[in-house]
Amino acid sequence: MSAHTNAAAKTAPSTLILLREDIAGVAVLTLNDPETRNSLSEAMLEALGDALTAIAHDKSVRAVVLAANGPAFSAGHNLKELSRRP
């Protein structure tokens, strides 16, 4: 079993909003922003895009599992962030 952590920082480098763990050819991506119910913020979407691009180029990965920490898988788009856009 090998573990690979590849994630984007939300605010501080120690706070990862997306976690990646590779287990026997399966990449497990875990949404890790339970305070916002794993909303799809710009940072989360960028982290997911980066992770999926990396997985697409990784020939050892045969499957991807999406998981989440916290009480909800995802609340959908981050409406507070969207409403601040011009």
PDB file of N, CA and C in Angstrom:
ATOM      1  N   MET A   1       0.847  -1.167   0.000  1.00  0.00           N
ATOM      2  CA  MET A   1       0.000   0.000   0.000  1.00  0.00           C
ATOM      3  C   MET A   1       0.892   1.229   0.000  1.00  0.00           C
ATOM      4  N   SER A   2       0.646   2.125  -0.952  1.00  0.00           N
ATOM      5  CA  SER A   2       1.395   3.374  -0.954  1.00  0.00           C
ATOM      6  C   SER A   2       0.430   4.526  -0.790  1.00  0.00           C
ATOM      7  N   ALA A   3       0.877   5.522  -0.075  1.00  0.00           N
ATOM      8  CA  ALA A   3       0.034   6.698   0.145  1.00  0.00           C
ATOM      9  C   ALA A   3       0.687   7.882  -0.542  1.00  0.00           C
ATOM     10  N   HIS A   4      -0.093   8.649  -1.237  1.00  0.00           N
ATOM     11  CA  HIS A   4       0.383   9.835  -1.928  1.00  0.00           C
ATOM     12  C   HIS A   4      -0.560  10.970  -1.581  1.00  0.00           C
ATOM     13  N   THR A   5      -0.031  11.997  -0.965  1.00  0.00           N
ATOM     14  CA  THR A   5      -0.871  13.148  -0.633  1.00  0.00           C
ATOM     15  C   THR A   5      -0.551  14.257  -1.607  1.00  0.00           C
ATOM     16  N   ASN A   6      -1.573  14.719  -2.304  1.00  0.00           N
ATOM     17  CA  ASN A   6      -1.433  15.784  -3.283  1.00  0.00           C
ATOM     18  C   ASN A   6      -2.671  16.646  -3.145  1.00  0.00           C
ATOM     19  N   ALA A   7      -2.513  17.816  -2.560  1.00  0.00           N
ATOM     20  CA  ALA A   7      -3.702  18.622  -2.298  1.00  0.00           C
ATOM     21  C   ALA A   7      -3.381  20.098  -2.382  1.00  0.00           C
ATOM     22  N   ALA A   8      -4.424  20.879  -2.450  1.00  0.00           N
ATOM     23  CA  ALA A   8      -4.285  22.333  -2.470  1.00  0.00           C
ATOM     24  C   ALA A   8      -4.560  22.880  -1.083  1.00  0.00           C
ATOM     25  N   ALA A   9      -3.908  23.956  -0.759  1.00  0.00           N
ATOM     26  CA  ALA A   9      -4.126  24.581   0.549  1.00  0.00           C
ATOM     27  C   ALA A   9      -5.311  25.520   0.466  1.00  0.00           C
ATOM     28  N   LYS A  10      -6.141  25.506   1.509  1.00  0.00           N
ATOM     29  CA  LYS A  10      -7.292  26.414   1.563  1.00  0.00           C
ATOM     30  C   LYS A  10      -6.817  27.801   1.987  1.00  0.00           C
ATOM     31  N   THR A  11      -6.219  27.895   3.154  1.00  0.00           N
ATOM     32  CA  THR A  11      -5.717  29.188   3.619  1.00  0.00           C
ATOM     33  C   THR A  11      -4.267  29.047   4.068  1.00  0.00           C
ATOM     34  N   ALA A  12      -4.015  28.113   4.935  1.00  0.00           N
ATOM     35  CA  ALA A  12      -2.653  27.880   5.410  1.00  0.00           C
ATOM     36  C   ALA A  12      -2.122  26.613   4.758  1.00  0.00           C
ATOM     37  N   PRO A  13      -0.816  26.518   4.555  1.00  0.00           N
ATOM     38  CA  PRO A  13      -0.258  25.329   3.921  1.00  0.00           C
ATOM     39  C   PRO A  13      -0.602  24.028   4.639  1.00  0.00           C
ATOM     40  N   SER A  14      -0.908  24.083   5.926  1.00  0.00           N
ATOM     41  CA  SER A  14      -1.207  22.863   6.672  1.00  0.00           C
ATOM     42  C   SER A  14      -2.671  22.439   6.554  1.00  0.00           C
ATOM     43  N   THR A  15      -3.520  23.266   5.946  1.00  0.00           N
ATOM     44  CA  THR A  15      -4.931  22.942   5.805  1.00  0.00           C
ATOM     45  C   THR A  15      -5.191  22.503   4.376  1.00  0.00           C
ATOM     46  N   LEU A  16      -5.332  21.200   4.157  1.00  0.00           N
ATOM     47  CA  LEU A  16      -5.531  20.668   2.827  1.00  0.00           C
ATOM     48  C   LEU A  16      -7.015  20.480   2.560  1.00  0.00           C
ATOM     49  N   ILE A  17      -7.510  21.017   1.447  1.00  0.00           N
ATOM     50  CA  ILE A  17      -8.932  20.876   1.140  1.00  0.00           C
ATOM     51  C   ILE A  17      -9.212  19.637   0.304  1.00  0.00           C
ATOM     52  N   LEU A  18      -8.167  19.036  -0.258  1.00  0.00           N
ATOM     53  CA  LEU A  18      -8.331  17.804  -1.020  1.00  0.00           C
ATOM     54  C   LEU A  18      -7.190  16.871  -0.669  1.00  0.00           C
ATOM     55  N   LEU A  19      -7.532  15.681  -0.279  1.00  0.00           N
ATOM     56  CA  LEU A  19      -6.533  14.682   0.076  1.00  0.00           C
ATOM     57  C   LEU A  19      -6.519  13.601  -0.989  1.00  0.00           C
ATOM     58  N   ARG A  20      -5.356  13.051  -1.271  1.00  0.00           N
ATOM     59  CA  ARG A  20      -5.242  11.940  -2.205  1.00  0.00           C
ATOM     60  C   ARG A  20      -4.450  10.824  -1.557  1.00  0.00           C
ATOM     61  N   GLU A  21      -4.996   9.629  -1.678  1.00  0.00           N
ATOM     62  CA  GLU A  21      -4.302   8.435  -1.199  1.00  0.00           C
ATOM     63  C   GLU A  21      -4.422   7.386  -2.294  1.00  0.00           C
ATOM     64  N   ASP A  22      -3.297   6.778  -2.656  1.00  0.00           N
ATOM     65  CA  ASP A  22      -3.281   5.714  -3.657  1.00  0.00           C
ATOM     66  C   ASP A  22      -3.158   4.374  -2.944  1.00  0.00           C
ATOM     67  N   ILE A  23      -4.110   3.479  -3.250  1.00  0.00           N
ATOM     68  CA  ILE A  23      -4.114   2.156  -2.624  1.00  0.00           C
ATOM     69  C   ILE A  23      -4.327   1.125  -3.720  1.00  0.00           C
ATOM     70  N   ALA A  24      -3.300   0.365  -4.029  1.00  0.00           N
ATOM     71  CA  ALA A  24      -3.387  -0.752  -4.984  1.00  0.00           C
ATOM     72  C   ALA A  24      -4.080  -0.360  -6.285  1.00  0.00           C
ATOM     73  N   GLY A  25      -3.633   0.723  -6.926  1.00  0.00           N
ATOM     74  CA  GLY A  25      -4.186   1.139  -8.199  1.00  0.00           C
ATOM     75  C   GLY A  25      -5.450   1.963  -8.114  1.00  0.00           C
ATOM     76  N   VAL A  26      -5.886   2.288  -6.911  1.00  0.00           N
ATOM     77  CA  VAL A  26      -7.090   3.102  -6.722  1.00  0.00           C
ATOM     78  C   VAL A  26      -6.672   4.424  -6.085  1.00  0.00           C
ATOM     79  N   ALA A  27      -7.021   5.522  -6.748  1.00  0.00           N
ATOM     80  CA  ALA A  27      -6.761   6.851  -6.190  1.00  0.00           C
ATOM     81  C   ALA A  27      -8.014   7.286  -5.439  1.00  0.00           C
ATOM     82  N   VAL A  28      -7.863   7.554  -4.156  1.00  0.00           N
ATOM     83  CA  VAL A  28      -8.976   8.015  -3.330  1.00  0.00           C
ATOM     84  C   VAL A  28      -8.789   9.513  -3.118  1.00  0.00           C
ATOM     85  N   LEU A  29      -9.721  10.300  -3.667  1.00  0.00           N
ATOM     86  CA  LEU A  29      -9.717  11.750  -3.482  1.00  0.00           C
ATOM     87  C   LEU A  29     -10.767  12.082  -2.433  1.00  0.00           C
ATOM     88  N   THR A  30     -10.340  12.739  -1.359  1.00  0.00           N
ATOM     89  CA  THR A  30     -11.251  13.067  -0.260  1.00  0.00           C
ATOM     90  C   THR A  30     -11.396  14.571  -0.131  1.00  0.00           C
ATOM     91  N   LEU A  31     -12.630  15.041  -0.321  1.00  0.00           N
ATOM     92  CA  LEU A  31     -12.927  16.453  -0.096  1.00  0.00           C
ATOM     93  C   LEU A  31     -12.768  16.706   1.399  1.00  0.00           C
ATOM     94  N   ASN A  32     -12.002  17.732   1.759  1.00  0.00           N
ATOM     95  CA  ASN A  32     -11.650  17.921   3.164  1.00  0.00           C
ATOM     96  C   ASN A  32     -11.859  19.364   3.601  1.00  0.00           C
ATOM     97  N   ASP A  33     -13.086  19.853   3.441  1.00  0.00           N
ATOM     98  CA  ASP A  33     -13.441  21.185   3.906  1.00  0.00           C
ATOM     99  C   ASP A  33     -14.809  21.108   4.589  1.00  0.00           C
ATOM    100  N   PRO A  34     -14.891  20.336   5.686  1.00  0.00           N
ATOM    101  CA  PRO A  34     -16.195  20.110   6.318  1.00  0.00           C
ATOM    102  C   PRO A  34     -16.862  21.378   6.846  1.00  0.00           C
ATOM    103  N   GLU A  35     -16.097  22.423   7.145  1.00  0.00           N
ATOM    104  CA  GLU A  35     -16.690  23.665   7.645  1.00  0.00           C
ATOM    105  C   GLU A  35     -17.643  24.282   6.625  1.00  0.00           C
ATOM    106  N   THR A  36     -17.361  24.093   5.327  1.00  0.00           N
ATOM    107  CA  THR A  36     -18.242  24.607   4.273  1.00  0.00           C
ATOM    108  C   THR A  36     -19.050  23.472   3.642  1.00  0.00           C
ATOM    109  N   ARG A  37     -19.084  22.339   4.334  1.00  0.00           N
ATOM    110  CA  ARG A  37     -19.753  21.138   3.818  1.00  0.00           C
ATOM    111  C   ARG A  37     -19.195  20.751   2.456  1.00  0.00           C
ATOM    112  N   ASN A  38     -17.860  20.901   2.341  1.00  0.00           N
ATOM    113  CA  ASN A  38     -17.133  20.532   1.130  1.00  0.00           C
ATOM    114  C   ASN A  38     -17.702  21.208  -0.112  1.00  0.00           C
ATOM    115  N   SER A  39     -18.040  22.485   0.031  1.00  0.00           N
ATOM    116  CA  SER A  39     -18.604  23.215  -1.106  1.00  0.00           C
ATOM    117  C   SER A  39     -17.587  23.301  -2.239  1.00  0.00           C
ATOM    118  N   LEU A  40     -18.108  23.458  -3.436  1.00  0.00           N
ATOM    119  CA  LEU A  40     -17.265  23.528  -4.624  1.00  0.00           C
ATOM    120  C   LEU A  40     -16.807  24.962  -4.851  1.00  0.00           C
ATOM    121  N   SER A  41     -15.874  25.370  -4.020  1.00  0.00           N
ATOM    122  CA  SER A  41     -15.281  26.698  -4.144  1.00  0.00           C
ATOM    123  C   SER A  41     -14.318  26.687  -5.328  1.00  0.00           C
ATOM    124  N   GLU A  42     -13.838  27.858  -5.698  1.00  0.00           N
ATOM    125  CA  GLU A  42     -12.847  27.923  -6.775  1.00  0.00           C
ATOM    126  C   GLU A  42     -11.612  27.110  -6.411  1.00  0.00           C
ATOM    127  N   ALA A  43     -11.185  27.190  -5.160  1.00  0.00           N
ATOM    128  CA  ALA A  43     -10.012  26.438  -4.721  1.00  0.00           C
ATOM    129  C   ALA A  43     -10.253  24.927  -4.793  1.00  0.00           C
ATOM    130  N   MET A  44     -11.457  24.489  -4.390  1.00  0.00           N
ATOM    131  CA  MET A  44     -11.775  23.062  -4.440  1.00  0.00           C
ATOM    132  C   MET A  44     -11.822  22.578  -5.880  1.00  0.00           C
ATOM    133  N   LEU A  45     -12.459  23.347  -6.755  1.00  0.00           N
ATOM    134  CA  LEU A  45     -12.542  22.952  -8.163  1.00  0.00           C
ATOM    135  C   LEU A  45     -11.157  22.894  -8.795  1.00  0.00           C
ATOM    136  N   GLU A  46     -10.296  23.836  -8.449  1.00  0.00           N
ATOM    137  CA  GLU A  46      -8.930  23.827  -8.970  1.00  0.00           C
ATOM    138  C   GLU A  46      -8.166  22.608  -8.456  1.00  0.00           C
ATOM    139  N   ALA A  47      -8.313  22.313  -7.164  1.00  0.00           N
ATOM    140  CA  ALA A  47      -7.630  21.150  -6.585  1.00  0.00           C
ATOM    141  C   ALA A  47      -8.118  19.857  -7.234  1.00  0.00           C
ATOM    142  N   LEU A  48      -9.425  19.742  -7.449  1.00  0.00           N
ATOM    143  CA  LEU A  48      -9.975  18.555  -8.108  1.00  0.00           C
ATOM    144  C   LEU A  48      -9.455  18.445  -9.541  1.00  0.00           C
ATOM    145  N   GLY A  49      -9.447  19.561 -10.260  1.00  0.00           N
ATOM    146  CA  GLY A  49      -8.939  19.549 -11.633  1.00  0.00           C
ATOM    147  C   GLY A  49      -7.487  19.134 -11.702  1.00  0.00           C
ATOM    148  N   ASP A  50      -6.666  19.687 -10.812  1.00  0.00           N
ATOM    149  CA  ASP A  50      -5.245  19.333 -10.770  1.00  0.00           C
ATOM    150  C   ASP A  50      -5.049  17.856 -10.438  1.00  0.00           C
ATOM    151  N   ALA A  51      -5.803  17.370  -9.461  1.00  0.00           N
ATOM    152  CA  ALA A  51      -5.678  15.966  -9.058  1.00  0.00           C
ATOM    153  C   ALA A  51      -6.119  15.025 -10.173  1.00  0.00           C
ATOM    154  N   LEU A  52      -7.224  15.345 -10.831  1.00  0.00           N
ATOM    155  CA  LEU A  52      -7.713  14.484 -11.907  1.00  0.00           C
ATOM    156  C   LEU A  52      -6.785  14.515 -13.116  1.00  0.00           C
ATOM    157  N   THR A  53      -6.172  15.657 -13.386  1.00  0.00           N
ATOM    158  CA  THR A  53      -5.189  15.735 -14.469  1.00  0.00           C
ATOM    159  C   THR A  53      -3.981  14.864 -14.150  1.00  0.00           C
ATOM    160  N   ALA A  54      -3.506  14.947 -12.907  1.00  0.00           N
ATOM    161  CA  ALA A  54      -2.370  14.118 -12.498  1.00  0.00           C
ATOM    162  C   ALA A  54      -2.718  12.635 -12.587  1.00  0.00           C
ATOM    163  N   ILE A  55      -3.926  12.271 -12.171  1.00  0.00           N
ATOM    164  CA  ILE A  55      -4.364  10.874 -12.225  1.00  0.00           C
ATOM    165  C   ILE A  55      -4.454  10.398 -13.669  1.00  0.00           C
ATOM    166  N   ALA A  56      -4.911  11.257 -14.564  1.00  0.00           N
ATOM    167  CA  ALA A  56      -5.031  10.888 -15.981  1.00  0.00           C
ATOM    168  C   ALA A  56      -3.680  10.517 -16.580  1.00  0.00           C
ATOM    169  N   HIS A  57      -2.611  11.086 -16.052  1.00  0.00           N
ATOM    170  CA  HIS A  57      -1.268  10.798 -16.547  1.00  0.00           C
ATOM    171  C   HIS A  57      -0.558   9.706 -15.755  1.00  0.00           C
ATOM    172  N   ASP A  58      -1.196   9.179 -14.751  1.00  0.00           N
ATOM    173  CA  ASP A  58      -0.601   8.154 -13.884  1.00  0.00           C
ATOM    174  C   ASP A  58      -1.097   6.780 -14.316  1.00  0.00           C
ATOM    175  N   LYS A  59      -0.261   6.035 -15.023  1.00  0.00           N
ATOM    176  CA  LYS A  59      -0.655   4.729 -15.568  1.00  0.00           C
ATOM    177  C   LYS A  59      -0.891   3.670 -14.495  1.00  0.00           C
ATOM    178  N   SER A  60      -0.471   3.935 -13.260  1.00  0.00           N
ATOM    179  CA  SER A  60      -0.674   2.952 -12.195  1.00  0.00           C
ATOM    180  C   SER A  60      -2.082   3.023 -11.600  1.00  0.00           C
ATOM    181  N   VAL A  61      -2.808   4.108 -11.880  1.00  0.00           N
ATOM    182  CA  VAL A  61      -4.160   4.276 -11.329  1.00  0.00           C
ATOM    183  C   VAL A  61      -5.179   3.668 -12.282  1.00  0.00           C
ATOM    184  N   ARG A  62      -6.000   2.745 -11.744  1.00  0.00           N
ATOM    185  CA  ARG A  62      -7.030   2.075 -12.541  1.00  0.00           C
ATOM    186  C   ARG A  62      -8.432   2.541 -12.192  1.00  0.00           C
ATOM    187  N   ALA A  63      -8.601   3.185 -11.044  1.00  0.00           N
ATOM    188  CA  ALA A  63      -9.923   3.649 -10.613  1.00  0.00           C
ATOM    189  C   ALA A  63      -9.749   4.849  -9.690  1.00  0.00           C
ATOM    190  N   VAL A  64     -10.825   5.660  -9.617  1.00  0.00           N
ATOM    191  CA  VAL A  64     -10.837   6.832  -8.740  1.00  0.00           C
ATOM    192  C   VAL A  64     -12.079   6.739  -7.859  1.00  0.00           C
ATOM    193  N   VAL A  65     -11.889   6.970  -6.574  1.00  0.00           N
ATOM    194  CA  VAL A  65     -12.998   7.015  -5.621  1.00  0.00           C
ATOM    195  C   VAL A  65     -13.052   8.426  -5.051  1.00  0.00           C
ATOM    196  N   LEU A  66     -14.236   9.027  -5.082  1.00  0.00           N
ATOM    197  CA  LEU A  66     -14.431  10.333  -4.459  1.00  0.00           C
ATOM    198  C   LEU A  66     -15.092  10.129  -3.104  1.00  0.00           C
ATOM    199  N   ALA A  67     -14.505  10.726  -2.081  1.00  0.00           N
ATOM    200  CA  ALA A  67     -15.021  10.610  -0.711  1.00  0.00           C
ATOM    201  C   ALA A  67     -15.016  12.004  -0.097  1.00  0.00           C
ATOM    202  N   ALA A  68     -15.534  12.118   1.111  1.00  0.00           N
ATOM    203  CA  ALA A  68     -15.565  13.415   1.782  1.00  0.00           C
ATOM    204  C   ALA A  68     -15.488  13.248   3.287  1.00  0.00           C
ATOM    205  N   ASN A  69     -14.860  14.207   3.942  1.00  0.00           N
ATOM    206  CA  ASN A  69     -14.848  14.286   5.401  1.00  0.00           C
ATOM    207  C   ASN A  69     -15.966  15.218   5.836  1.00  0.00           C
ATOM    208  N   GLY A  70     -16.579  14.925   6.969  1.00  0.00           N
ATOM    209  CA  GLY A  70     -17.601  15.802   7.511  1.00  0.00           C
ATOM    210  C   GLY A  70     -19.001  15.258   7.331  1.00  0.00           C
ATOM    211  N   PRO A  71     -20.010  16.083   7.688  1.00  0.00           N
ATOM    212  CA  PRO A  71     -21.394  15.621   7.697  1.00  0.00           C
ATOM    213  C   PRO A  71     -22.053  15.556   6.324  1.00  0.00           C
ATOM    214  N   ALA A  72     -21.420  16.130   5.293  1.00  0.00           N
ATOM    215  CA  ALA A  72     -22.025  16.135   3.959  1.00  0.00           C
ATOM    216  C   ALA A  72     -20.966  15.831   2.917  1.00  0.00           C
ATOM    217  N   PHE A  73     -21.370  15.127   1.858  1.00  0.00           N
ATOM    218  CA  PHE A  73     -20.416  14.878   0.769  1.00  0.00           C
ATOM    219  C   PHE A  73     -20.024  16.205   0.130  1.00  0.00           C
ATOM    220  N   SER A  74     -21.000  16.959  -0.338  1.00  0.00           N
ATOM    221  CA  SER A  74     -20.744  18.291  -0.882  1.00  0.00           C
ATOM    222  C   SER A  74     -22.049  19.072  -0.944  1.00  0.00           C
ATOM    223  N   ALA A  75     -21.973  20.330  -0.559  1.00  0.00           N
ATOM    224  CA  ALA A  75     -23.143  21.201  -0.594  1.00  0.00           C
ATOM    225  C   ALA A  75     -23.351  21.797  -1.986  1.00  0.00           C
ATOM    226  N   GLY A  76     -22.481  21.485  -2.928  1.00  0.00           N
ATOM    227  CA  GLY A  76     -22.564  22.079  -4.260  1.00  0.00           C
ATOM    228  C   GLY A  76     -21.705  23.327  -4.320  1.00  0.00           C
ATOM    229  N   HIS A  77     -22.005  24.196  -5.264  1.00  0.00           N
ATOM    230  CA  HIS A  77     -21.205  25.409  -5.420  1.00  0.00           C
ATOM    231  C   HIS A  77     -21.239  26.265  -4.164  1.00  0.00           C
ATOM    232  N   ASN A  78     -20.154  26.948  -3.924  1.00  0.00           N
ATOM    233  CA  ASN A  78     -20.049  27.862  -2.794  1.00  0.00           C
ATOM    234  C   ASN A  78     -20.779  29.157  -3.169  1.00  0.00           C
ATOM    235  N   LEU A  79     -22.033  29.300  -2.711  1.00  0.00           N
ATOM    236  CA  LEU A  79     -22.865  30.436  -3.105  1.00  0.00           C
ATOM    237  C   LEU A  79     -22.331  31.766  -2.586  1.00  0.00           C
ATOM    238  N   LYS A  80     -21.718  31.773  -1.411  1.00  0.00           N
ATOM    239  CA  LYS A  80     -21.134  33.018  -0.897  1.00  0.00           C
ATOM    240  C   LYS A  80     -20.031  33.506  -1.829  1.00  0.00           C
ATOM    241  N   GLU A  81     -19.218  32.587  -2.297  1.00  0.00           N
ATOM    242  CA  GLU A  81     -18.139  32.944  -3.196  1.00  0.00           C
ATOM    243  C   GLU A  81     -18.693  33.415  -4.547  1.00  0.00           C
ATOM    244  N   LEU A  82     -19.699  32.731  -5.053  1.00  0.00           N
ATOM    245  CA  LEU A  82     -20.301  33.116  -6.333  1.00  0.00           C
ATOM    246  C   LEU A  82     -20.966  34.482  -6.270  1.00  0.00           C
ATOM    247  N   SER A  83     -21.591  34.813  -5.148  1.00  0.00           N
ATOM    248  CA  SER A  83     -22.300  36.089  -5.026  1.00  0.00           C
ATOM    249  C   SER A  83     -21.329  37.271  -4.932  1.00  0.00           C
ATOM    250  N   ARG A  84     -20.084  37.034  -4.574  1.00  0.00           N
ATOM    251  CA  ARG A  84     -19.075  38.092  -4.508  1.00  0.00           C
ATOM    252  C   ARG A  84     -18.474  38.412  -5.868  1.00  0.00           C
ATOM    253  N   ARG A  85     -18.715  37.577  -6.860  1.00  0.00           N
ATOM    254  CA  ARG A  85     -18.145  37.794  -8.186  1.00  0.00           C
ATOM    255  C   ARG A  85     -18.845  38.959  -8.881  1.00  0.00           C
ATOM    256  N   PRO A  86     -18.072  39.731  -9.648  1.00  0.00           N
ATOM    257  CA  PRO A  86     -18.682  40.864 -10.361  1.00  0.00           C
ATOM    258  C   PRO A  86     -19.606  40.413 -11.473  1.00  0.00           C
TER     259      PRO A  86
END
